[in-house]
Amino acid sequence: MFGDNFFKKVEKKTNVNKDTIMSLAKKLQNSNMKDEKVLRDMVQEISAITGKEVSKEKEDKIVNAIVQDNVPKDIDKMF
């Protein structure tokens, strides 16, 4: 689905390797992405992995965007 170029861009920007990304993707795939608690746990986990702090306000925006389906469909363009 995603080529090595995509993973290299993500790794360069986040310092998170391909194996960790794939592990998170698998976990996300098996999760209820409309469950606010699941989403908040995932945001916090990604925050910890990347070493980037996410404020409560930003977490709220992320969760609301996902629940309301306001997420870009072309993830590759985000990088």
PDB file of N, CA and C in Angstrom:
ATOM      1  N   MET A   1       0.820  -1.184   0.000  1.00  0.00           N
ATOM      2  CA  MET A   1       0.000   0.000   0.000  1.00  0.00           C
ATOM      3  C   MET A   1       0.868   1.254   0.000  1.00  0.00           C
ATOM      4  N   PHE A   2       1.773   1.374   0.962  1.00  0.00           N
ATOM      5  CA  PHE A   2       2.689   2.510   1.017  1.00  0.00           C
ATOM      6  C   PHE A   2       4.083   2.012   0.665  1.00  0.00           C
ATOM      7  N   GLY A   3       4.796   2.811  -0.119  1.00  0.00           N
ATOM      8  CA  GLY A   3       6.141   2.429  -0.511  1.00  0.00           C
ATOM      9  C   GLY A   3       7.170   2.830   0.527  1.00  0.00           C
ATOM     10  N   ASP A   4       8.397   2.378   0.295  1.00  0.00           N
ATOM     11  CA  ASP A   4       9.488   2.698   1.213  1.00  0.00           C
ATOM     12  C   ASP A   4       9.721   4.199   1.315  1.00  0.00           C
ATOM     13  N   ASN A   5       9.475   4.930   0.215  1.00  0.00           N
ATOM     14  CA  ASN A   5       9.648   6.378   0.216  1.00  0.00           C
ATOM     15  C   ASN A   5       8.743   7.035   1.258  1.00  0.00           C
ATOM     16  N   PHE A   6       7.515   6.551   1.346  1.00  0.00           N
ATOM     17  CA  PHE A   6       6.571   7.069   2.336  1.00  0.00           C
ATOM     18  C   PHE A   6       7.114   6.860   3.750  1.00  0.00           C
ATOM     19  N   PHE A   7       7.564   5.636   4.033  1.00  0.00           N
ATOM     20  CA  PHE A   7       8.062   5.323   5.376  1.00  0.00           C
ATOM     21  C   PHE A   7       9.326   6.115   5.699  1.00  0.00           C
ATOM     22  N   LYS A   8      10.164   6.345   4.714  1.00  0.00           N
ATOM     23  CA  LYS A   8      11.363   7.158   4.930  1.00  0.00           C
ATOM     24  C   LYS A   8      10.989   8.586   5.300  1.00  0.00           C
ATOM     25  N   LYS A   9       9.979   9.136   4.634  1.00  0.00           N
ATOM     26  CA  LYS A   9       9.514  10.498   4.947  1.00  0.00           C
ATOM     27  C   LYS A   9       8.975  10.569   6.368  1.00  0.00           C
ATOM     28  N   VAL A  10       8.159   9.574   6.714  1.00  0.00           N
ATOM     29  CA  VAL A  10       7.570   9.544   8.058  1.00  0.00           C
ATOM     30  C   VAL A  10       8.659   9.384   9.107  1.00  0.00           C
ATOM     31  N   GLU A  11       9.590   8.465   8.868  1.00  0.00           N
ATOM     32  CA  GLU A  11      10.665   8.224   9.836  1.00  0.00           C
ATOM     33  C   GLU A  11      11.524   9.476  10.018  1.00  0.00           C
ATOM     34  N   LYS A  12      11.819  10.155   8.926  1.00  0.00           N
ATOM     35  CA  LYS A  12      12.631  11.366   9.002  1.00  0.00           C
ATOM     36  C   LYS A  12      11.919  12.453   9.813  1.00  0.00           C
ATOM     37  N   LYS A  13      10.622  12.561   9.609  1.00  0.00           N
ATOM     38  CA  LYS A  13       9.852  13.612  10.277  1.00  0.00           C
ATOM     39  C   LYS A  13       9.548  13.282  11.735  1.00  0.00           C
ATOM     40  N   THR A  14       9.391  11.990  12.051  1.00  0.00           N
ATOM     41  CA  THR A  14       8.939  11.608  13.388  1.00  0.00           C
ATOM     42  C   THR A  14       9.951  10.828  14.219  1.00  0.00           C
ATOM     43  N   ASN A  15      11.012  10.325  13.591  1.00  0.00           N
ATOM     44  CA  ASN A  15      11.977   9.448  14.254  1.00  0.00           C
ATOM     45  C   ASN A  15      11.338   8.143  14.729  1.00  0.00           C
ATOM     46  N   VAL A  16      10.300   7.697  14.028  1.00  0.00           N
ATOM     47  CA  VAL A  16       9.630   6.441  14.336  1.00  0.00           C
ATOM     48  C   VAL A  16       9.882   5.495  13.167  1.00  0.00           C
ATOM     49  N   ASN A  17      10.411   4.293  13.466  1.00  0.00           N
ATOM     50  CA  ASN A  17      10.775   3.377  12.385  1.00  0.00           C
ATOM     51  C   ASN A  17       9.571   2.638  11.799  1.00  0.00           C
ATOM     52  N   LYS A  18       9.795   2.028  10.653  1.00  0.00           N
ATOM     53  CA  LYS A  18       8.741   1.345   9.899  1.00  0.00           C
ATOM     54  C   LYS A  18       8.066   0.255  10.726  1.00  0.00           C
ATOM     55  N   ASP A  19       8.827  -0.521  11.485  1.00  0.00           N
ATOM     56  CA  ASP A  19       8.245  -1.601  12.291  1.00  0.00           C
ATOM     57  C   ASP A  19       7.267  -1.063  13.328  1.00  0.00           C
ATOM     58  N   THR A  20       7.622   0.043  13.959  1.00  0.00           N
ATOM     59  CA  THR A  20       6.732   0.661  14.947  1.00  0.00           C
ATOM     60  C   THR A  20       5.476   1.185  14.269  1.00  0.00           C
ATOM     61  N   ILE A  21       5.643   1.790  13.106  1.00  0.00           N
ATOM     62  CA  ILE A  21       4.497   2.307  12.345  1.00  0.00           C
ATOM     63  C   ILE A  21       3.560   1.158  11.977  1.00  0.00           C
ATOM     64  N   MET A  22       4.129   0.061  11.496  1.00  0.00           N
ATOM     65  CA  MET A  22       3.310  -1.087  11.100  1.00  0.00           C
ATOM     66  C   MET A  22       2.589  -1.694  12.307  1.00  0.00           C
ATOM     67  N   SER A  23       3.259  -1.732  13.445  1.00  0.00           N
ATOM     68  CA  SER A  23       2.645  -2.243  14.667  1.00  0.00           C
ATOM     69  C   SER A  23       1.467  -1.359  15.083  1.00  0.00           C
ATOM     70  N   LEU A  24       1.659  -0.048  15.014  1.00  0.00           N
ATOM     71  CA  LEU A  24       0.569   0.883  15.336  1.00  0.00           C
ATOM     72  C   LEU A  24      -0.584   0.735  14.348  1.00  0.00           C
ATOM     73  N   ALA A  25      -0.261   0.584  13.076  1.00  0.00           N
ATOM     74  CA  ALA A  25      -1.297   0.440  12.045  1.00  0.00           C
ATOM     75  C   ALA A  25      -2.143  -0.804  12.309  1.00  0.00           C
ATOM     76  N   LYS A  26      -1.489  -1.891  12.678  1.00  0.00           N
ATOM     77  CA  LYS A  26      -2.208  -3.134  12.972  1.00  0.00           C
ATOM     78  C   LYS A  26      -3.123  -2.936  14.182  1.00  0.00           C
ATOM     79  N   LYS A  27      -2.599  -2.255  15.182  1.00  0.00           N
ATOM     80  CA  LYS A  27      -3.390  -1.985  16.383  1.00  0.00           C
ATOM     81  C   LYS A  27      -4.594  -1.107  16.040  1.00  0.00           C
ATOM     82  N   LEU A  28      -4.379  -0.103  15.193  1.00  0.00           N
ATOM     83  CA  LEU A  28      -5.467   0.783  14.775  1.00  0.00           C
ATOM     84  C   LEU A  28      -6.516   0.018  13.975  1.00  0.00           C
ATOM     85  N   GLN A  29      -6.059  -0.871  13.132  1.00  0.00           N
ATOM     86  CA  GLN A  29      -6.954  -1.655  12.291  1.00  0.00           C
ATOM     87  C   GLN A  29      -7.919  -2.489  13.122  1.00  0.00           C
ATOM     88  N   ASN A  30      -7.454  -2.939  14.252  1.00  0.00           N
ATOM     89  CA  ASN A  30      -8.265  -3.799  15.107  1.00  0.00           C
ATOM     90  C   ASN A  30      -9.008  -3.021  16.197  1.00  0.00           C
ATOM     91  N   SER A  31      -9.028  -1.691  16.088  1.00  0.00           N
ATOM     92  CA  SER A  31      -9.653  -0.850  17.102  1.00  0.00           C
ATOM     93  C   SER A  31     -10.921  -0.195  16.572  1.00  0.00           C
ATOM     94  N   ASN A  32     -11.770   0.200  17.483  1.00  0.00           N
ATOM     95  CA  ASN A  32     -12.977   0.940  17.138  1.00  0.00           C
ATOM     96  C   ASN A  32     -12.612   2.423  17.050  1.00  0.00           C
ATOM     97  N   MET A  33     -12.498   2.932  15.835  1.00  0.00           N
ATOM     98  CA  MET A  33     -12.038   4.298  15.626  1.00  0.00           C
ATOM     99  C   MET A  33     -13.128   5.344  15.882  1.00  0.00           C
ATOM    100  N   LYS A  34     -14.273   4.909  16.374  1.00  0.00           N
ATOM    101  CA  LYS A  34     -15.333   5.847  16.778  1.00  0.00           C
ATOM    102  C   LYS A  34     -15.446   5.911  18.297  1.00  0.00           C
ATOM    103  N   ASP A  35     -14.637   5.123  18.982  1.00  0.00           N
ATOM    104  CA  ASP A  35     -14.635   5.093  20.439  1.00  0.00           C
ATOM    105  C   ASP A  35     -13.646   6.142  20.943  1.00  0.00           C
ATOM    106  N   GLU A  36     -14.163   7.147  21.620  1.00  0.00           N
ATOM    107  CA  GLU A  36     -13.340   8.266  22.063  1.00  0.00           C
ATOM    108  C   GLU A  36     -12.195   7.819  22.974  1.00  0.00           C
ATOM    109  N   LYS A  37     -12.456   6.877  23.869  1.00  0.00           N
ATOM    110  CA  LYS A  37     -11.392   6.416  24.771  1.00  0.00           C
ATOM    111  C   LYS A  37     -10.273   5.739  23.983  1.00  0.00           C
ATOM    112  N   VAL A  38     -10.631   4.905  23.026  1.00  0.00           N
ATOM    113  CA  VAL A  38      -9.639   4.232  22.185  1.00  0.00           C
ATOM    114  C   VAL A  38      -8.792   5.278  21.457  1.00  0.00           C
ATOM    115  N   LEU A  39      -9.443   6.284  20.911  1.00  0.00           N
ATOM    116  CA  LEU A  39      -8.728   7.332  20.182  1.00  0.00           C
ATOM    117  C   LEU A  39      -7.793   8.111  21.099  1.00  0.00           C
ATOM    118  N   ARG A  40      -8.259   8.463  22.275  1.00  0.00           N
ATOM    119  CA  ARG A  40      -7.414   9.217  23.215  1.00  0.00           C
ATOM    120  C   ARG A  40      -6.202   8.379  23.645  1.00  0.00           C
ATOM    121  N   ASP A  41      -6.426   7.095  23.899  1.00  0.00           N
ATOM    122  CA  ASP A  41      -5.313   6.203  24.243  1.00  0.00           C
ATOM    123  C   ASP A  41      -4.300   6.148  23.101  1.00  0.00           C
ATOM    124  N   MET A  42      -4.796   6.081  21.873  1.00  0.00           N
ATOM    125  CA  MET A  42      -3.921   6.007  20.709  1.00  0.00           C
ATOM    126  C   MET A  42      -3.132   7.310  20.539  1.00  0.00           C
ATOM    127  N   VAL A  43      -3.779   8.446  20.720  1.00  0.00           N
ATOM    128  CA  VAL A  43      -3.092   9.737  20.620  1.00  0.00           C
ATOM    129  C   VAL A  43      -1.979   9.809  21.659  1.00  0.00           C
ATOM    130  N   GLN A  44      -2.271   9.383  22.879  1.00  0.00           N
ATOM    131  CA  GLN A  44      -1.267   9.409  23.930  1.00  0.00           C
ATOM    132  C   GLN A  44      -0.117   8.447  23.645  1.00  0.00           C
ATOM    133  N   GLU A  45      -0.431   7.283  23.081  1.00  0.00           N
ATOM    134  CA  GLU A  45       0.616   6.317  22.743  1.00  0.00           C
ATOM    135  C   GLU A  45       1.524   6.865  21.639  1.00  0.00           C
ATOM    136  N   ILE A  46       0.921   7.443  20.622  1.00  0.00           N
ATOM    137  CA  ILE A  46       1.704   8.025  19.531  1.00  0.00           C
ATOM    138  C   ILE A  46       2.522   9.201  20.035  1.00  0.00           C
ATOM    139  N   SER A  47       1.953   9.989  20.923  1.00  0.00           N
ATOM    140  CA  SER A  47       2.673  11.099  21.526  1.00  0.00           C
ATOM    141  C   SER A  47       3.924  10.607  22.252  1.00  0.00           C
ATOM    142  N   ALA A  48       3.766   9.526  23.010  1.00  0.00           N
ATOM    143  CA  ALA A  48       4.900   8.969  23.755  1.00  0.00           C
ATOM    144  C   ALA A  48       5.968   8.404  22.812  1.00  0.00           C
ATOM    145  N   ILE A  49       5.535   7.715  21.768  1.00  0.00           N
ATOM    146  CA  ILE A  49       6.474   7.113  20.820  1.00  0.00           C
ATOM    147  C   ILE A  49       7.283   8.180  20.094  1.00  0.00           C
ATOM    148  N   THR A  50       6.618   9.261  19.703  1.00  0.00           N
ATOM    149  CA  THR A  50       7.288  10.309  18.925  1.00  0.00           C
ATOM    150  C   THR A  50       8.008  11.327  19.805  1.00  0.00           C
ATOM    151  N   GLY A  51       7.696  11.318  21.109  1.00  0.00           N
ATOM    152  CA  GLY A  51       8.314  12.290  22.006  1.00  0.00           C
ATOM    153  C   GLY A  51       7.741  13.692  21.825  1.00  0.00           C
ATOM    154  N   LYS A  52       6.564  13.772  21.241  1.00  0.00           N
ATOM    155  CA  LYS A  52       5.910  15.067  21.019  1.00  0.00           C
ATOM    156  C   LYS A  52       4.713  15.177  21.952  1.00  0.00           C
ATOM    157  N   GLU A  53       4.716  16.224  22.753  1.00  0.00           N
ATOM    158  CA  GLU A  53       3.616  16.431  23.681  1.00  0.00           C
ATOM    159  C   GLU A  53       2.383  16.932  22.932  1.00  0.00           C
ATOM    160  N   VAL A  54       1.223  16.402  23.304  1.00  0.00           N
ATOM    161  CA  VAL A  54      -0.044  16.817  22.703  1.00  0.00           C
ATOM    162  C   VAL A  54      -0.894  17.432  23.808  1.00  0.00           C
ATOM    163  N   SER A  55      -1.244  18.702  23.626  1.00  0.00           N
ATOM    164  CA  SER A  55      -2.068  19.381  24.627  1.00  0.00           C
ATOM    165  C   SER A  55      -3.476  18.788  24.632  1.00  0.00           C
ATOM    166  N   LYS A  56      -4.204  19.013  25.712  1.00  0.00           N
ATOM    167  CA  LYS A  56      -5.586  18.535  25.833  1.00  0.00           C
ATOM    168  C   LYS A  56      -6.422  19.116  24.695  1.00  0.00           C
ATOM    169  N   GLU A  57      -6.206  20.377  24.367  1.00  0.00           N
ATOM    170  CA  GLU A  57      -6.958  21.040  23.292  1.00  0.00           C
ATOM    171  C   GLU A  57      -6.690  20.366  21.943  1.00  0.00           C
ATOM    172  N   LYS A  58      -5.435  20.084  21.680  1.00  0.00           N
ATOM    173  CA  LYS A  58      -5.069  19.435  20.414  1.00  0.00           C
ATOM    174  C   LYS A  58      -5.611  18.005  20.371  1.00  0.00           C
ATOM    175  N   GLU A  59      -5.527  17.300  21.488  1.00  0.00           N
ATOM    176  CA  GLU A  59      -6.079  15.950  21.562  1.00  0.00           C
ATOM    177  C   GLU A  59      -7.573  15.971  21.253  1.00  0.00           C
ATOM    178  N   ASP A  60      -8.287  16.944  21.837  1.00  0.00           N
ATOM    179  CA  ASP A  60      -9.721  17.085  21.568  1.00  0.00           C
ATOM    180  C   ASP A  60      -9.986  17.293  20.078  1.00  0.00           C
ATOM    181  N   LYS A  61      -9.186  18.142  19.437  1.00  0.00           N
ATOM    182  CA  LYS A  61      -9.358  18.413  18.007  1.00  0.00           C
ATOM    183  C   LYS A  61      -9.107  17.161  17.173  1.00  0.00           C
ATOM    184  N   ILE A  62      -8.071  16.414  17.523  1.00  0.00           N
ATOM    185  CA  ILE A  62      -7.744  15.180  16.792  1.00  0.00           C
ATOM    186  C   ILE A  62      -8.883  14.175  16.925  1.00  0.00           C
ATOM    187  N   VAL A  63      -9.322  13.941  18.155  1.00  0.00           N
ATOM    188  CA  VAL A  63     -10.394  12.975  18.407  1.00  0.00           C
ATOM    189  C   VAL A  63     -11.667  13.394  17.678  1.00  0.00           C
ATOM    190  N   ASN A  64     -12.037  14.661  17.785  1.00  0.00           N
ATOM    191  CA  ASN A  64     -13.253  15.130  17.124  1.00  0.00           C
ATOM    192  C   ASN A  64     -13.163  15.000  15.604  1.00  0.00           C
ATOM    193  N   ALA A  65     -12.009  15.295  15.043  1.00  0.00           N
ATOM    194  CA  ALA A  65     -11.828  15.179  13.594  1.00  0.00           C
ATOM    195  C   ALA A  65     -12.010  13.731  13.142  1.00  0.00           C
ATOM    196  N   ILE A  66     -11.469  12.795  13.895  1.00  0.00           N
ATOM    197  CA  ILE A  66     -11.583  11.384  13.521  1.00  0.00           C
ATOM    198  C   ILE A  66     -13.021  10.899  13.675  1.00  0.00           C
ATOM    199  N   VAL A  67     -13.641  11.224  14.790  1.00  0.00           N
ATOM    200  CA  VAL A  67     -15.017  10.782  15.044  1.00  0.00           C
ATOM    201  C   VAL A  67     -15.968  11.345  13.989  1.00  0.00           C
ATOM    202  N   GLN A  68     -15.718  12.572  13.545  1.00  0.00           N
ATOM    203  CA  GLN A  68     -16.603  13.233  12.576  1.00  0.00           C
ATOM    204  C   GLN A  68     -16.161  13.002  11.128  1.00  0.00           C
ATOM    205  N   ASP A  69     -15.193  12.112  10.921  1.00  0.00           N
ATOM    206  CA  ASP A  69     -14.686  11.788   9.582  1.00  0.00           C
ATOM    207  C   ASP A  69     -14.131  12.993   8.833  1.00  0.00           C
ATOM    208  N   ASN A  70     -13.454  13.882   9.549  1.00  0.00           N
ATOM    209  CA  ASN A  70     -12.824  15.052   8.940  1.00  0.00           C
ATOM    210  C   ASN A  70     -11.315  14.860   8.810  1.00  0.00           C
ATOM    211  N   VAL A  71     -10.904  13.660   8.400  1.00  0.00           N
ATOM    212  CA  VAL A  71      -9.485  13.324   8.260  1.00  0.00           C
ATOM    213  C   VAL A  71      -9.162  13.249   6.766  1.00  0.00           C
ATOM    214  N   PRO A  72      -8.037  13.835   6.337  1.00  0.00           N
ATOM    215  CA  PRO A  72      -7.678  13.761   4.917  1.00  0.00           C
ATOM    216  C   PRO A  72      -7.611  12.309   4.445  1.00  0.00           C
ATOM    217  N   LYS A  73      -8.115  12.058   3.260  1.00  0.00           N
ATOM    218  CA  LYS A  73      -8.124  10.699   2.705  1.00  0.00           C
ATOM    219  C   LYS A  73      -6.771  10.323   2.102  1.00  0.00           C
ATOM    220  N   ASP A  74      -5.983  11.319   1.664  1.00  0.00           N
ATOM    221  CA  ASP A  74      -4.685  11.049   1.027  1.00  0.00           C
ATOM    222  C   ASP A  74      -3.588  11.366   2.031  1.00  0.00           C
ATOM    223  N   ILE A  75      -3.235  10.384   2.852  1.00  0.00           N
ATOM    224  CA  ILE A  75      -2.256  10.572   3.920  1.00  0.00           C
ATOM    225  C   ILE A  75      -0.891  10.963   3.365  1.00  0.00           C
ATOM    226  N   ASP A  76      -0.524  10.458   2.201  1.00  0.00           N
ATOM    227  CA  ASP A  76       0.778  10.752   1.614  1.00  0.00           C
ATOM    228  C   ASP A  76       0.986  12.255   1.413  1.00  0.00           C
ATOM    229  N   LYS A  77      -0.076  12.993   1.149  1.00  0.00           N
ATOM    230  CA  LYS A  77       0.026  14.437   0.932  1.00  0.00           C
ATOM    231  C   LYS A  77       0.286  15.209   2.229  1.00  0.00           C
ATOM    232  N   MET A  78       0.063  14.538   3.372  1.00  0.00           N
ATOM    233  CA  MET A  78       0.312  15.195   4.658  1.00  0.00           C
ATOM    234  C   MET A  78       1.807  15.359   4.908  1.00  0.00           C
ATOM    235  N   PHE A  79       2.646  14.604   4.197  1.00  0.00           N
ATOM    236  CA  PHE A  79       4.083  14.643   4.403  1.00  0.00           C
ATOM    237  C   PHE A  79       4.709  15.275   3.204  1.00  0.00           C
TER     238      PHE A  79
END
